[in-house]
């Protein structure tokens, strides 16, 4: 069995994650408050998850013979690192108010591309004809991205409830759980709804582009895919 070979970018990210993971493990022995221990434990989970994500392209190639383009692999690894490590572990979400919104807008685009790529695998018959209508594909892309975005918000909600964190920004400050005051009414929903709206906008952009791409193929069926 061939070994998984990582590109240089993924290798660098993997080394950085390993250093962060080791540092968090060591810090557990010096923490006293329950909230701090929960926070670091979740960071360890996120770092381990990021390290697993790095190997997903190789696993896809070995297990189901799907080759992920190099540019897409780098993009998804960079996004995962920006979200899980820079955003949460290093707390860019707390330091930069725009970081979360930027990533969710970008995630809508990435999830839209992923959704379009997945349905594109099944979108041609043996005769080369388009199987699914362009409008159906566009709607699928948007629904796929929103479904993943909703699942992420559910995960954040569960994490906040179990580990007493503030990933959904329902507290007045992104600081410690005990020192923050819960928001009330519309303000408490703002972070979650803005995230879902940005996911929607990004996926709609890809859905529209995908729609016209399929229409173009229908008019020129012999034209190679981009």
Protein backbone atom coordinates (compact mmCIF):
# COMPACT_ATOMS: atom_id res chain seq x y z
CA UNK A 1 0.00 0.00 0.00
CA UNK A 2 1.38 3.39 -0.99
CA UNK A 3 2.08 5.94 1.68
CA UNK A 4 0.15 9.22 1.79
CA UNK A 5 2.30 11.96 0.29
CA UNK A 6 1.42 15.50 1.31
CA UNK A 7 2.25 18.62 -0.64
CA UNK A 8 4.55 21.20 0.94
CA UNK A 9 1.73 23.48 2.09
CA UNK A 10 -0.16 20.67 3.82
CA UNK A 11 3.07 19.43 5.41
CA UNK A 12 3.77 22.86 6.92
CA UNK A 13 0.20 23.09 8.25
CA UNK A 14 0.50 19.58 9.71
CA UNK A 15 3.72 20.50 11.55
CA UNK A 16 2.14 23.70 12.94
CA UNK A 17 -0.89 21.72 14.13
CA UNK A 18 1.34 19.14 15.82
CA UNK A 19 3.18 21.91 17.70
CA UNK A 20 -0.11 23.52 18.79
CA UNK A 21 -1.52 20.14 19.83
CA UNK A 22 1.53 19.39 21.97
CA UNK A 23 1.38 22.84 23.56
CA UNK A 24 -2.29 22.44 24.46
CA UNK A 25 -1.69 19.00 25.98
CA UNK A 26 1.05 20.43 28.20
CA UNK A 27 -1.09 23.42 29.22
CA UNK A 28 -3.82 21.09 30.54
CA UNK A 29 -1.61 20.25 33.53
CA UNK A 30 -1.41 23.91 34.57
CA UNK A 31 -5.08 24.91 34.31
CA UNK A 32 -7.36 25.08 37.33
CA UNK A 33 -10.78 26.40 36.30
CA UNK A 34 -13.30 24.08 34.66
CA UNK A 35 -14.04 26.59 31.88
CA UNK A 36 -10.35 26.85 30.94
CA UNK A 37 -9.94 23.07 30.86
CA UNK A 38 -13.05 22.72 28.68
CA UNK A 39 -11.79 25.40 26.33
CA UNK A 40 -8.36 23.80 25.88
CA UNK A 41 -9.89 20.33 25.53
CA UNK A 42 -12.04 21.61 22.68
CA UNK A 43 -9.00 23.24 21.08
CA UNK A 44 -7.22 19.87 21.22
CA UNK A 45 -10.20 18.30 19.45
CA UNK A 46 -10.21 21.03 16.80
CA UNK A 47 -6.47 20.68 16.19
CA UNK A 48 -6.76 16.90 15.86
CA UNK A 49 -9.69 17.39 13.47
CA UNK A 50 -7.59 19.76 11.38
CA UNK A 51 -4.80 17.19 11.19
CA UNK A 52 -7.33 14.62 9.95
CA UNK A 53 -8.70 17.06 7.35
CA UNK A 54 -5.21 17.42 5.88
CA UNK A 55 -5.22 13.72 4.93
CA UNK A 56 -8.74 13.64 3.43
CA UNK A 57 -7.60 14.27 -0.20
CA UNK A 58 -5.15 11.36 0.04
CA UNK A 59 -7.80 9.12 1.58
CA UNK A 60 -10.25 9.97 -1.21
CA UNK A 61 -7.67 9.04 -3.81
CA UNK A 62 -6.78 5.73 -2.14
CA UNK A 63 -10.26 4.60 -1.07
CA UNK A 64 -12.59 5.79 -3.86
CA UNK A 65 -10.08 6.82 -6.55
CA UNK A 66 -11.12 10.49 -6.51
CA UNK A 67 -8.23 12.83 -7.25
CA UNK A 68 -8.63 16.27 -5.68
CA UNK A 69 -6.96 19.03 -7.76
CA UNK A 70 -3.92 20.56 -6.06
CA UNK A 71 -5.41 24.07 -6.02
CA UNK A 72 -8.64 22.82 -4.40
CA UNK A 73 -6.69 20.79 -1.84
CA UNK A 74 -4.64 23.83 -0.81
CA UNK A 75 -7.77 25.99 -0.67
CA UNK A 76 -9.69 23.60 1.60
CA UNK A 77 -6.70 23.04 3.90
CA UNK A 78 -6.11 26.80 4.13
CA UNK A 79 -9.78 27.38 4.92
CA UNK A 80 -9.80 24.69 7.60
CA UNK A 81 -6.68 26.15 9.19
CA UNK A 82 -8.12 29.68 9.07
CA UNK A 83 -11.36 28.52 10.69
CA UNK A 84 -10.35 25.90 13.25
CA UNK A 85 -6.83 26.99 14.21
CA UNK A 86 -6.51 30.72 13.50
CA UNK A 87 -10.16 31.45 14.20
CA UNK A 88 -10.83 29.42 17.34
CA UNK A 89 -7.57 28.10 18.79
CA UNK A 90 -5.63 31.36 18.31
CA UNK A 91 -8.87 33.35 18.78
CA UNK A 92 -9.01 35.43 15.61
CA UNK A 93 -12.79 35.30 16.08
CA UNK A 94 -12.41 37.30 19.28
CA UNK A 95 -9.64 39.59 18.03
CA UNK A 96 -11.14 40.49 14.66
CA UNK A 97 -14.91 41.00 14.45
CA UNK A 98 -14.90 40.49 10.66
CA UNK A 99 -13.04 37.15 10.69
CA UNK A 100 -16.10 34.94 11.23
CA UNK A 101 -18.18 36.72 8.57
CA UNK A 102 -15.34 36.55 6.04
CA UNK A 103 -14.92 32.81 6.54
CA UNK A 104 -18.64 32.09 6.33
CA UNK A 105 -18.92 34.01 3.05
CA UNK A 106 -15.95 32.04 1.74
CA UNK A 107 -17.35 28.76 3.11
CA UNK A 108 -20.56 29.30 1.16
CA UNK A 109 -18.48 29.55 -2.01
CA UNK A 110 -16.38 26.48 -1.14
CA UNK A 111 -19.40 24.38 -0.19
CA UNK A 112 -21.12 25.50 -3.37
CA UNK A 113 -18.11 24.35 -5.41
CA UNK A 114 -18.07 21.06 -3.52
CA UNK A 115 -21.80 20.53 -4.06
CA UNK A 116 -21.47 21.34 -7.76
CA UNK A 117 -18.50 18.97 -8.11
CA UNK A 118 -20.38 16.13 -6.38
CA UNK A 119 -23.50 16.35 -8.51
CA UNK A 120 -21.35 16.84 -11.60
CA UNK A 121 -20.03 13.29 -11.11
CA UNK A 122 -23.54 11.94 -11.81
CA UNK A 123 -24.76 14.56 -14.23
CA UNK A 124 -24.03 12.80 -17.51
CA UNK A 125 -25.46 9.66 -19.05
CA UNK A 126 -23.32 7.17 -20.93
CA UNK A 127 -24.29 8.96 -24.13
CA UNK A 128 -22.86 12.22 -22.83
CA UNK A 129 -26.21 13.96 -22.32
CA UNK A 130 -26.91 16.16 -19.30
CA UNK A 131 -28.91 14.13 -16.76
CA UNK A 132 -30.17 16.88 -14.39
CA UNK A 133 -31.69 20.22 -15.44
CA UNK A 134 -29.56 23.30 -14.79
CA UNK A 135 -32.12 24.77 -12.38
CA UNK A 136 -32.15 21.57 -10.32
CA UNK A 137 -28.35 21.62 -10.05
CA UNK A 138 -28.36 25.28 -8.98
CA UNK A 139 -30.96 24.58 -6.27
CA UNK A 140 -29.02 21.50 -5.14
CA UNK A 141 -25.83 23.55 -4.76
CA UNK A 142 -27.57 26.11 -2.54
CA UNK A 143 -29.39 23.47 -0.46
CA UNK A 144 -26.19 21.43 -0.02
CA UNK A 145 -24.24 24.44 1.25
CA UNK A 146 -27.05 25.53 3.57
CA UNK A 147 -27.43 22.00 4.96
CA UNK A 148 -23.73 21.82 5.83
CA UNK A 149 -23.88 25.34 7.27
CA UNK A 150 -26.90 24.39 9.42
CA UNK A 151 -25.14 21.26 10.68
CA UNK A 152 -22.17 23.43 11.65
CA UNK A 153 -24.43 25.77 13.62
CA UNK A 154 -25.98 22.76 15.39
CA UNK A 155 -22.48 21.60 16.31
CA UNK A 156 -21.62 25.05 17.67
CA UNK A 157 -24.84 25.08 19.71
CA UNK A 158 -24.05 21.68 21.23
CA UNK A 159 -20.45 22.68 21.97
CA UNK A 160 -21.59 25.87 23.72
CA UNK A 161 -24.06 23.92 25.85
CA UNK A 162 -21.72 21.08 26.80
CA UNK A 163 -18.39 22.90 27.17
CA UNK A 164 -19.78 26.31 28.21
CA UNK A 165 -18.18 28.15 25.30
CA UNK A 166 -19.34 31.07 23.16
CA UNK A 167 -18.86 29.91 19.57
CA UNK A 168 -22.29 31.26 18.57
CA UNK A 169 -21.54 34.63 20.19
CA UNK A 170 -24.69 34.59 22.30
CA UNK A 171 -22.80 36.23 25.17
CA UNK A 172 -22.05 39.94 25.44
CA UNK A 173 -18.29 39.40 25.07
CA UNK A 174 -16.13 36.64 23.54
CA UNK A 175 -14.26 36.34 26.83
CA UNK A 176 -14.66 33.79 29.62
CA UNK A 177 -18.05 32.17 30.03
CA UNK A 178 -18.52 33.17 33.67
CA UNK A 179 -17.74 36.87 33.10
CA UNK A 180 -20.09 37.35 30.13
CA UNK A 181 -23.78 38.25 30.08
CA UNK A 182 -26.17 36.38 27.72
CA UNK A 183 -27.66 38.50 24.95
CA UNK A 184 -31.45 38.75 24.70
CA UNK A 185 -33.89 38.66 21.79
CA UNK A 186 -32.77 39.52 18.26
CA UNK A 187 -29.18 40.21 19.31
CA UNK A 188 -28.77 36.63 20.55
CA UNK A 189 -29.67 35.29 17.08
CA UNK A 190 -27.51 37.69 15.07
CA UNK A 191 -24.32 35.62 14.79
CA UNK A 192 -26.11 32.42 13.73
CA UNK A 193 -28.37 34.14 11.21
CA UNK A 194 -25.57 36.23 9.68
CA UNK A 195 -23.51 33.06 9.26
CA UNK A 196 -26.35 31.26 7.47
CA UNK A 197 -27.11 34.29 5.28
CA UNK A 198 -23.46 34.50 4.21
CA UNK A 199 -23.45 30.76 3.47
CA UNK A 200 -26.55 31.35 1.34
CA UNK A 201 -25.08 34.29 -0.57
CA UNK A 202 -21.84 32.46 -1.34
CA UNK A 203 -23.62 29.30 -2.50
CA UNK A 204 -26.10 31.27 -4.63
CA UNK A 205 -23.16 32.82 -6.49
CA UNK A 206 -21.81 29.35 -7.31
CA UNK A 207 -25.30 28.06 -8.10
CA UNK A 208 -25.82 30.83 -10.67
CA UNK A 209 -22.42 30.19 -12.26
CA UNK A 210 -23.16 26.45 -12.32
CA UNK A 211 -26.53 27.10 -13.94
CA UNK A 212 -25.00 28.98 -16.87
CA UNK A 213 -22.17 26.43 -17.13
CA UNK A 214 -24.68 23.59 -17.61
CA UNK A 215 -26.74 25.65 -20.06
CA UNK A 216 -23.55 26.20 -22.02
CA UNK A 217 -22.85 22.45 -22.09
CA UNK A 218 -26.40 21.72 -23.24
CA UNK A 219 -25.88 23.96 -26.26
CA UNK A 220 -22.41 22.51 -26.97
CA UNK A 221 -22.47 18.90 -25.69
CA UNK A 222 -19.11 18.08 -27.26
CA UNK A 223 -17.36 20.95 -25.47
CA UNK A 224 -14.98 19.62 -22.78
CA UNK A 225 -15.73 20.41 -19.13
CA UNK A 226 -13.78 23.22 -17.49
